[in-house]
Amino acid sequence: MARWLLVAVLVLAACSAPPPEWAELPPPAPGARVLAMVPVDGGVLVLGSVPGPEGRAPAAWMTADGRGWRPVALAPHSAYAFQAELASAGAANGQVTVLGQAFGGAHGNPRMTVWSGSTESLTEYPQPFELFGGPHAIAVNAAAAGLLVGQWDEVSGRYGAAVWTTADGRTWRRQADDPALASAPGEQTSAVGVTSGPSGFLVAGGNQRGADLLPLAWVSPDGQTWRRLSVPGTGSTAQRAACDANGCVLFGASAGARPQALCWQVGLDGSVAAPHPGPAGSTVDVKQASLGAQAFVTVSADSVARLYSVSRDCASWTELPLPAVAPEAYVAAVPAGLLLATTAADRSGLWWRKS
């Protein structure tokens, strides 16, 4: 009798134990640290760093499925490029723009490097120091194809949103005085995230007006002329943008004692719907967003990465439990599944799950 009970328990356990959802994959290189995943023709461009003689060294790879990897040839030129981590990128029409970051100088400030090229090779083009740095620099935050966004201390003395554009990937020009971007009296605008969309570029950010924090977004057909979008809500900011051919979404977070992730649906006409709430925590930071049949967004809540599938109208959030605890996570769709990086201070774990 005891034997039959034991067999029954074992059979029941075998039937009820769920199969593992995530399968661990070998990293693209020993000690690889992943900081961005960008869907491109032919697969996913994965960016980050590997151990180097001065701490870290830039690295990039192409993959079609997370199992086979091809290194992207890199040509650094400036001193900081050799120790930069590649942290943000955009790609469109075969053009790839990458933003790298190292830390140095007397105060350990971020030193930005800009790379251009393709999924075959990326070249760093050194820029004048005060294009991205110097006494008027605030931040350079994110990249799209041929465009960077951030904040700059304007001639008026009020810092505000700024963009940097290039026609050839080599020479960049800063634009901080467009009335749509610049801070008007009594406000401080900031540009945090950017993506290419069906009608050009979509930028996510915020606007501080006295004690009020307001979400803000901009659109541009060419990176030269900008238009503000009215984003519903108060006490919050937009942090990331994602688009496909049929529309866009913005992700951000509310402010306050217990912030909450937010999602706004953006129509092709530039209309922005009221936000739908997601997870909350003592701290909430949206790391990455992508859009297809549904949106995938990675959120750092209480310094722990979480992954969510979000409906295109932003109304439904479904958490996809991660296979490892990490402060950051990045995800991309691959054939029949999802490719995931769980990223710590010195390396990343790579994972795949069936979609």
Protein backbone atom coordinates (compact mmCIF):
# COMPACT_ATOMS: atom_id res chain seq x y z
CA MET A 1 0.00 0.00 0.00
CA ALA A 2 2.78 2.40 0.94
CA ARG A 3 4.48 1.63 -2.36
CA TRP A 4 1.33 2.53 -4.33
CA LEU A 5 0.92 5.75 -2.34
CA LEU A 6 4.51 6.71 -3.10
CA VAL A 7 4.02 5.99 -6.80
CA ALA A 8 0.81 8.04 -6.82
CA VAL A 9 2.54 10.98 -5.14
CA LEU A 10 5.43 10.86 -7.60
CA VAL A 11 3.09 10.68 -10.60
CA LEU A 12 1.01 13.58 -9.26
CA ALA A 13 4.14 15.65 -8.66
CA ALA A 14 5.42 14.91 -12.15
CA CYS A 15 2.10 15.92 -13.68
CA SER A 16 1.71 19.11 -11.65
CA ALA A 17 5.30 20.40 -11.85
CA PRO A 18 5.35 23.09 -14.57
CA PRO A 19 8.03 22.79 -17.24
CA PRO A 20 10.75 25.43 -16.97
CA GLU A 21 9.73 28.49 -18.99
CA TRP A 22 13.22 29.88 -19.50
CA ALA A 23 16.19 27.99 -20.91
CA GLU A 24 19.63 29.39 -20.10
CA LEU A 25 21.87 30.13 -23.08
CA PRO A 26 25.65 30.56 -23.30
CA PRO A 27 26.70 34.24 -23.38
CA PRO A 28 28.04 35.70 -26.63
CA ALA A 29 31.46 36.11 -24.97
CA PRO A 30 32.94 35.41 -21.52
CA GLY A 31 31.89 38.11 -19.06
CA ALA A 32 29.56 39.78 -21.57
CA ARG A 33 27.37 42.50 -20.07
CA VAL A 34 24.28 43.33 -22.14
CA LEU A 35 22.82 46.84 -21.97
CA ALA A 36 20.64 47.06 -25.09
CA MET A 37 18.83 44.85 -27.59
CA VAL A 38 17.68 46.34 -30.90
CA PRO A 39 15.53 44.49 -33.46
CA VAL A 40 17.08 44.83 -36.93
CA ASP A 41 16.72 43.13 -40.29
CA GLY A 42 18.04 39.62 -39.89
CA GLY A 43 17.77 39.37 -36.12
CA VAL A 44 18.72 41.30 -33.00
CA LEU A 45 21.65 43.66 -32.42
CA VAL A 46 22.92 43.11 -28.87
CA LEU A 47 25.11 45.80 -27.28
CA GLY A 48 27.15 46.11 -24.11
CA SER A 49 30.68 45.33 -23.00
CA VAL A 50 33.19 42.63 -22.12
CA PRO A 51 36.06 42.65 -19.61
CA GLY A 52 38.91 44.84 -20.86
CA PRO A 53 42.33 46.09 -19.82
CA GLU A 54 40.80 49.21 -18.21
CA GLY A 55 37.77 47.54 -16.66
CA ARG A 56 35.32 47.14 -19.54
CA ALA A 57 35.61 47.28 -23.32
CA PRO A 58 32.83 47.88 -25.87
CA ALA A 59 31.21 44.90 -27.56
CA ALA A 60 28.34 44.19 -29.95
CA TRP A 61 26.91 41.06 -31.53
CA MET A 62 24.27 39.97 -34.00
CA THR A 63 22.05 36.97 -33.40
CA ALA A 64 19.06 35.48 -35.15
CA ASP A 65 17.93 33.25 -32.29
CA GLY A 66 20.15 33.80 -29.22
CA ARG A 67 22.09 30.63 -29.92
CA GLY A 68 24.35 31.63 -32.79
CA TRP A 69 26.38 34.83 -32.38
CA ARG A 70 28.37 36.98 -34.77
CA PRO A 71 30.61 39.71 -33.34
CA VAL A 72 30.12 43.16 -34.85
CA ALA A 73 33.47 44.72 -35.78
CA LEU A 74 34.20 47.82 -33.68
CA ALA A 75 36.61 50.65 -34.49
CA PRO A 76 37.14 52.87 -31.42
CA HIS A 77 39.32 55.97 -31.81
CA SER A 78 39.08 58.28 -28.79
CA ALA A 79 40.58 57.27 -25.45
CA TYR A 80 37.21 56.79 -23.76
CA ALA A 81 35.85 54.70 -26.63
CA PHE A 82 38.20 51.84 -25.73
CA GLN A 83 36.59 51.54 -22.27
CA ALA A 84 33.02 52.50 -23.16
CA GLU A 85 29.98 50.33 -22.65
CA LEU A 86 27.52 50.49 -25.54
CA ALA A 87 24.27 51.42 -23.83
CA SER A 88 21.68 52.67 -26.33
CA ALA A 89 21.08 52.32 -30.05
CA GLY A 90 18.67 52.88 -32.88
CA ALA A 91 18.48 51.36 -36.33
CA ALA A 92 16.55 52.22 -39.48
CA ASN A 93 17.08 51.64 -43.20
CA GLY A 94 20.39 49.88 -42.57
CA GLN A 95 21.78 52.78 -40.50
CA VAL A 96 22.79 52.05 -36.91
CA THR A 97 23.55 54.74 -34.31
CA VAL A 98 25.01 53.71 -30.95
CA LEU A 99 25.62 55.72 -27.80
CA GLY A 100 28.50 54.53 -25.61
CA GLN A 101 29.41 55.67 -22.12
CA ALA A 102 32.55 55.55 -20.03
CA PHE A 103 33.40 57.38 -16.82
CA GLY A 104 36.50 59.44 -16.28
CA GLY A 105 38.12 62.76 -15.53
CA ALA A 106 38.71 64.34 -12.15
CA HIS A 107 35.07 63.91 -11.09
CA GLY A 108 34.31 60.58 -12.76
CA ASN A 109 31.72 62.17 -15.04
CA PRO A 110 30.14 60.23 -17.91
CA ARG A 111 32.05 60.52 -21.18
CA MET A 112 29.83 59.92 -24.19
CA THR A 113 31.01 58.25 -27.38
CA VAL A 114 29.00 58.04 -30.59
CA TRP A 115 29.26 55.16 -33.03
CA SER A 116 27.77 54.81 -36.50
CA GLY A 117 27.67 52.08 -39.09
CA SER A 118 25.75 48.90 -39.69
CA THR A 119 25.21 45.48 -38.16
CA GLU A 120 28.51 44.45 -39.79
CA SER A 121 30.73 47.15 -38.29
CA LEU A 122 30.51 50.23 -36.07
CA THR A 123 32.98 53.11 -36.03
CA GLU A 124 33.37 55.62 -33.23
CA TYR A 125 33.68 59.19 -34.49
CA PRO A 126 35.28 61.50 -31.90
CA GLN A 127 33.37 64.74 -31.33
CA PRO A 128 34.38 68.10 -29.87
CA PHE A 129 34.30 67.84 -26.08
CA GLU A 130 31.66 70.53 -25.57
CA LEU A 131 29.25 68.99 -28.08
CA PHE A 132 28.15 66.52 -25.39
CA GLY A 133 30.13 67.70 -22.35
CA GLY A 134 31.53 70.79 -20.73
CA PRO A 135 29.96 73.38 -18.43
CA HIS A 136 26.58 73.39 -20.21
CA ALA A 137 26.13 69.62 -20.39
CA ILE A 138 23.28 67.99 -18.48
CA ALA A 139 22.79 64.54 -20.05
CA VAL A 140 22.70 62.58 -23.27
CA ASN A 141 20.21 59.81 -22.63
CA ALA A 142 19.25 57.72 -25.64
CA ALA A 143 19.78 57.06 -29.34
CA ALA A 144 17.68 56.43 -32.41
CA ALA A 145 18.95 56.13 -35.98
CA GLY A 146 20.77 59.42 -36.64
CA LEU A 147 19.40 61.07 -33.48
CA LEU A 148 20.39 61.48 -29.83
CA VAL A 149 18.24 63.03 -27.08
CA GLY A 150 19.00 64.53 -23.69
CA GLN A 151 19.15 67.82 -21.80
CA TRP A 152 21.27 70.92 -22.24
CA ASP A 153 21.88 74.15 -20.32
CA GLU A 154 20.52 76.64 -22.82
CA VAL A 155 21.65 80.16 -23.62
CA SER A 156 18.65 81.42 -21.66
CA GLY A 157 20.08 79.86 -18.49
CA ARG A 158 17.24 77.34 -18.26
CA TYR A 159 18.16 73.77 -19.06
CA GLY A 160 15.80 71.83 -21.24
CA ALA A 161 15.34 69.07 -23.79
CA ALA A 162 17.84 68.89 -26.62
CA VAL A 163 18.54 66.70 -29.63
CA TRP A 164 21.67 65.97 -31.61
CA THR A 165 21.38 65.08 -35.30
CA THR A 166 23.69 63.82 -38.02
CA ALA A 167 23.40 63.46 -41.77
CA ASP A 168 26.39 61.16 -42.25
CA GLY A 169 27.02 59.51 -38.87
CA ARG A 170 30.30 61.38 -38.51
CA THR A 171 29.44 65.00 -37.74
CA TRP A 172 26.82 65.85 -35.14
CA ARG A 173 24.91 69.06 -34.51
CA ARG A 174 23.18 70.00 -31.27
CA GLN A 175 19.71 71.55 -31.34
CA ALA A 176 18.58 73.00 -28.01
CA ASP A 177 16.75 76.18 -28.99
CA ASP A 178 13.75 74.81 -30.86
CA PRO A 179 10.75 76.37 -29.07
CA ALA A 180 9.02 72.99 -28.91
CA LEU A 181 12.00 71.45 -27.12
CA ALA A 182 13.33 74.34 -25.08
CA SER A 183 12.10 75.26 -21.63
CA ALA A 184 9.75 78.22 -21.63
CA PRO A 185 9.71 80.55 -18.61
CA GLY A 186 8.55 78.62 -15.55
CA GLU A 187 9.25 75.14 -16.91
CA GLN A 188 12.11 72.65 -17.36
CA THR A 189 11.75 70.09 -20.13
CA SER A 190 13.70 66.84 -20.33
CA ALA A 191 14.05 64.23 -23.09
CA VAL A 192 14.73 60.72 -21.80
CA GLY A 193 13.83 58.12 -24.44
CA VAL A 194 13.48 58.03 -28.23
CA THR A 195 12.45 55.66 -30.99
CA SER A 196 11.83 55.68 -34.71
CA GLY A 197 8.15 55.58 -35.57
CA PRO A 198 5.85 55.34 -38.57
CA SER A 199 6.01 59.10 -39.08
CA GLY A 200 9.56 59.88 -37.93
CA PHE A 201 10.73 60.09 -34.33
CA LEU A 202 8.89 59.88 -31.01
CA VAL A 203 10.61 61.23 -27.88
CA ALA A 204 9.53 60.55 -24.28
CA GLY A 205 10.21 62.96 -21.46
CA GLY A 206 8.80 65.29 -18.87
CA ASN A 207 8.19 68.88 -17.90
CA GLN A 208 8.72 70.36 -14.45
CA ARG A 209 6.50 73.38 -13.78
CA GLY A 210 7.11 74.57 -10.25
CA ALA A 211 6.09 71.68 -8.02
CA ASP A 212 4.20 69.93 -10.85
CA LEU A 213 5.80 67.12 -12.85
CA LEU A 214 4.06 66.50 -16.17
CA PRO A 215 4.61 63.80 -18.81
CA LEU A 216 5.66 65.12 -22.19
CA ALA A 217 6.38 63.76 -25.66
CA TRP A 218 7.53 65.13 -28.98
CA VAL A 219 7.26 64.00 -32.60
CA SER A 220 9.36 64.97 -35.59
CA PRO A 221 9.31 63.79 -39.21
CA ASP A 222 13.03 64.41 -39.68
CA GLY A 223 14.72 65.30 -36.38
CA GLN A 224 14.84 68.96 -37.41
CA THR A 225 11.35 70.29 -36.66
CA TRP A 226 9.54 69.23 -33.49
CA ARG A 227 6.00 69.27 -32.16
CA ARG A 228 4.91 68.71 -28.57
CA LEU A 229 2.24 66.13 -27.84
CA SER A 230 -0.26 66.60 -25.06
CA VAL A 231 0.22 63.64 -22.70
CA PRO A 232 -2.55 63.15 -20.11
CA GLY A 233 -1.67 62.97 -16.45
CA THR A 234 0.15 64.82 -13.70
CA GLY A 235 2.80 63.85 -11.19
CA SER A 236 4.52 61.58 -13.71
CA THR A 237 7.03 61.47 -16.54
CA ALA A 238 7.41 59.46 -19.74
CA GLN A 239 10.66 57.50 -19.95
CA ARG A 240 10.55 55.16 -22.96
CA ALA A 241 8.85 55.04 -26.36
CA ALA A 242 8.16 52.12 -28.68
CA CYS A 243 6.53 51.99 -32.12
CA ASP A 244 5.61 49.72 -34.98
CA ALA A 245 3.90 50.50 -38.28
CA ASN A 246 0.48 50.70 -36.62
CA GLY A 247 1.14 52.98 -33.67
CA CYS A 248 3.22 53.69 -30.61
CA VAL A 249 3.22 53.49 -26.83
CA LEU A 250 4.90 55.52 -24.12
CA PHE A 251 6.02 54.05 -20.81
CA GLY A 252 6.93 56.01 -17.72
CA ALA A 253 6.26 56.28 -14.02
CA SER A 254 4.43 58.39 -11.50
CA ALA A 255 6.25 60.29 -8.79
CA GLY A 256 5.64 60.24 -5.06
CA ALA A 257 6.21 57.97 -2.10
CA ARG A 258 5.25 54.85 -4.06
CA PRO A 259 5.75 55.36 -7.80
CA GLN A 260 3.84 53.28 -10.32
CA ALA A 261 4.70 52.33 -13.90
CA LEU A 262 2.41 53.85 -16.53
CA CYS A 263 1.59 53.17 -20.18
CA TRP A 264 0.07 55.57 -22.72
CA GLN A 265 -1.20 54.51 -26.15
CA VAL A 266 -0.20 56.89 -28.95
CA GLY A 267 -2.23 57.03 -32.16
CA LEU A 268 -0.89 57.59 -35.66
CA ASP A 269 -2.40 61.09 -35.49
CA GLY A 270 -0.34 61.93 -32.39
CA SER A 271 -3.23 61.60 -29.96
CA VAL A 272 -2.23 60.18 -26.57
CA ALA A 273 -4.74 58.22 -24.48
CA ALA A 274 -5.04 58.38 -20.70
CA PRO A 275 -2.42 56.29 -18.89
CA HIS A 276 -2.98 52.78 -17.56
CA PRO A 277 -1.08 51.79 -14.41
CA GLY A 278 1.35 48.92 -14.01
CA PRO A 279 3.54 47.72 -11.14
CA ALA A 280 4.47 49.91 -8.18
CA GLY A 281 7.41 50.05 -5.81
CA SER A 282 9.48 52.36 -3.68
CA THR A 283 11.43 53.05 -6.89
CA VAL A 284 10.28 52.42 -10.46
CA ASP A 285 12.43 52.88 -13.56
CA VAL A 286 11.41 51.75 -17.05
CA LYS A 287 14.47 50.29 -18.76
CA GLN A 288 13.29 49.19 -22.20
CA ALA A 289 10.15 48.88 -24.30
CA SER A 290 9.29 47.25 -27.62
CA LEU A 291 6.04 46.98 -29.56
CA GLY A 292 4.57 44.27 -31.78
CA ALA A 293 1.42 42.21 -31.34
CA GLN A 294 1.82 43.31 -27.73
CA ALA A 295 4.36 45.46 -25.95
CA PHE A 296 7.17 44.07 -23.85
CA VAL A 297 8.58 46.31 -21.16
CA THR A 298 11.28 45.78 -18.57
CA VAL A 299 10.90 47.69 -15.33
CA SER A 300 13.29 48.01 -12.41
CA ALA A 301 11.07 48.11 -9.31
CA ASP A 302 12.78 48.30 -5.93
CA SER A 303 16.07 47.76 -7.84
CA VAL A 304 14.89 44.37 -9.15
CA ALA A 305 14.15 43.80 -12.86
CA ARG A 306 10.70 42.66 -13.93
CA LEU A 307 9.31 41.83 -17.37
CA TYR A 308 5.75 42.52 -18.51
CA SER A 309 3.66 41.82 -21.56
CA VAL A 310 1.32 44.78 -22.10
CA SER A 311 -1.63 44.98 -24.47
CA ARG A 312 -1.38 47.53 -27.27
CA ASP A 313 -4.05 49.67 -25.63
CA CYS A 314 -2.00 49.60 -22.39
CA ALA A 315 -4.97 48.31 -20.38
CA SER A 316 -3.61 44.85 -19.54
CA TRP A 317 -0.27 44.15 -17.81
CA THR A 318 0.90 40.54 -17.41
CA GLU A 319 4.10 39.79 -15.52
CA LEU A 320 6.42 37.17 -17.01
CA PRO A 321 8.47 35.90 -14.05
CA LEU A 322 12.20 36.09 -14.71
CA PRO A 323 14.55 33.14 -14.27
CA ALA A 324 17.09 35.10 -12.21
CA VAL A 325 17.17 38.10 -9.89
CA ALA A 326 19.02 41.07 -11.41
CA PRO A 327 18.82 44.87 -11.25
CA GLU A 328 18.30 45.22 -15.02
CA ALA A 329 16.80 43.16 -17.84
CA TYR A 330 16.53 43.56 -21.61
CA VAL A 331 14.39 41.55 -24.02
CA ALA A 332 13.85 41.09 -27.75
CA ALA A 333 11.61 38.91 -29.87
CA VAL A 334 13.29 36.13 -31.83
CA PRO A 335 11.65 33.42 -33.97
CA ALA A 336 9.13 31.52 -31.83
CA GLY A 337 10.32 33.07 -28.60
CA LEU A 338 11.88 35.79 -26.47
CA LEU A 339 15.57 36.47 -25.90
CA LEU A 340 16.29 37.85 -22.43
CA ALA A 341 19.35 39.31 -20.74
CA THR A 342 19.40 39.64 -16.95
CA THR A 343 22.16 42.12 -16.26
CA ALA A 344 24.25 42.62 -13.13
CA ALA A 345 27.22 44.91 -12.49
CA ASP A 346 29.79 42.65 -14.11
CA ARG A 347 27.96 40.28 -16.48
CA SER A 348 24.64 39.16 -17.94
CA GLY A 349 22.74 35.90 -18.03
CA LEU A 350 21.13 34.97 -21.36
CA TRP A 351 17.82 33.13 -21.60
CA TRP A 352 15.18 32.01 -24.10
CA ARG A 353 11.54 31.12 -23.71
CA LYS A 354 8.89 30.03 -26.13
CA SER A 355 6.41 32.75 -27.00
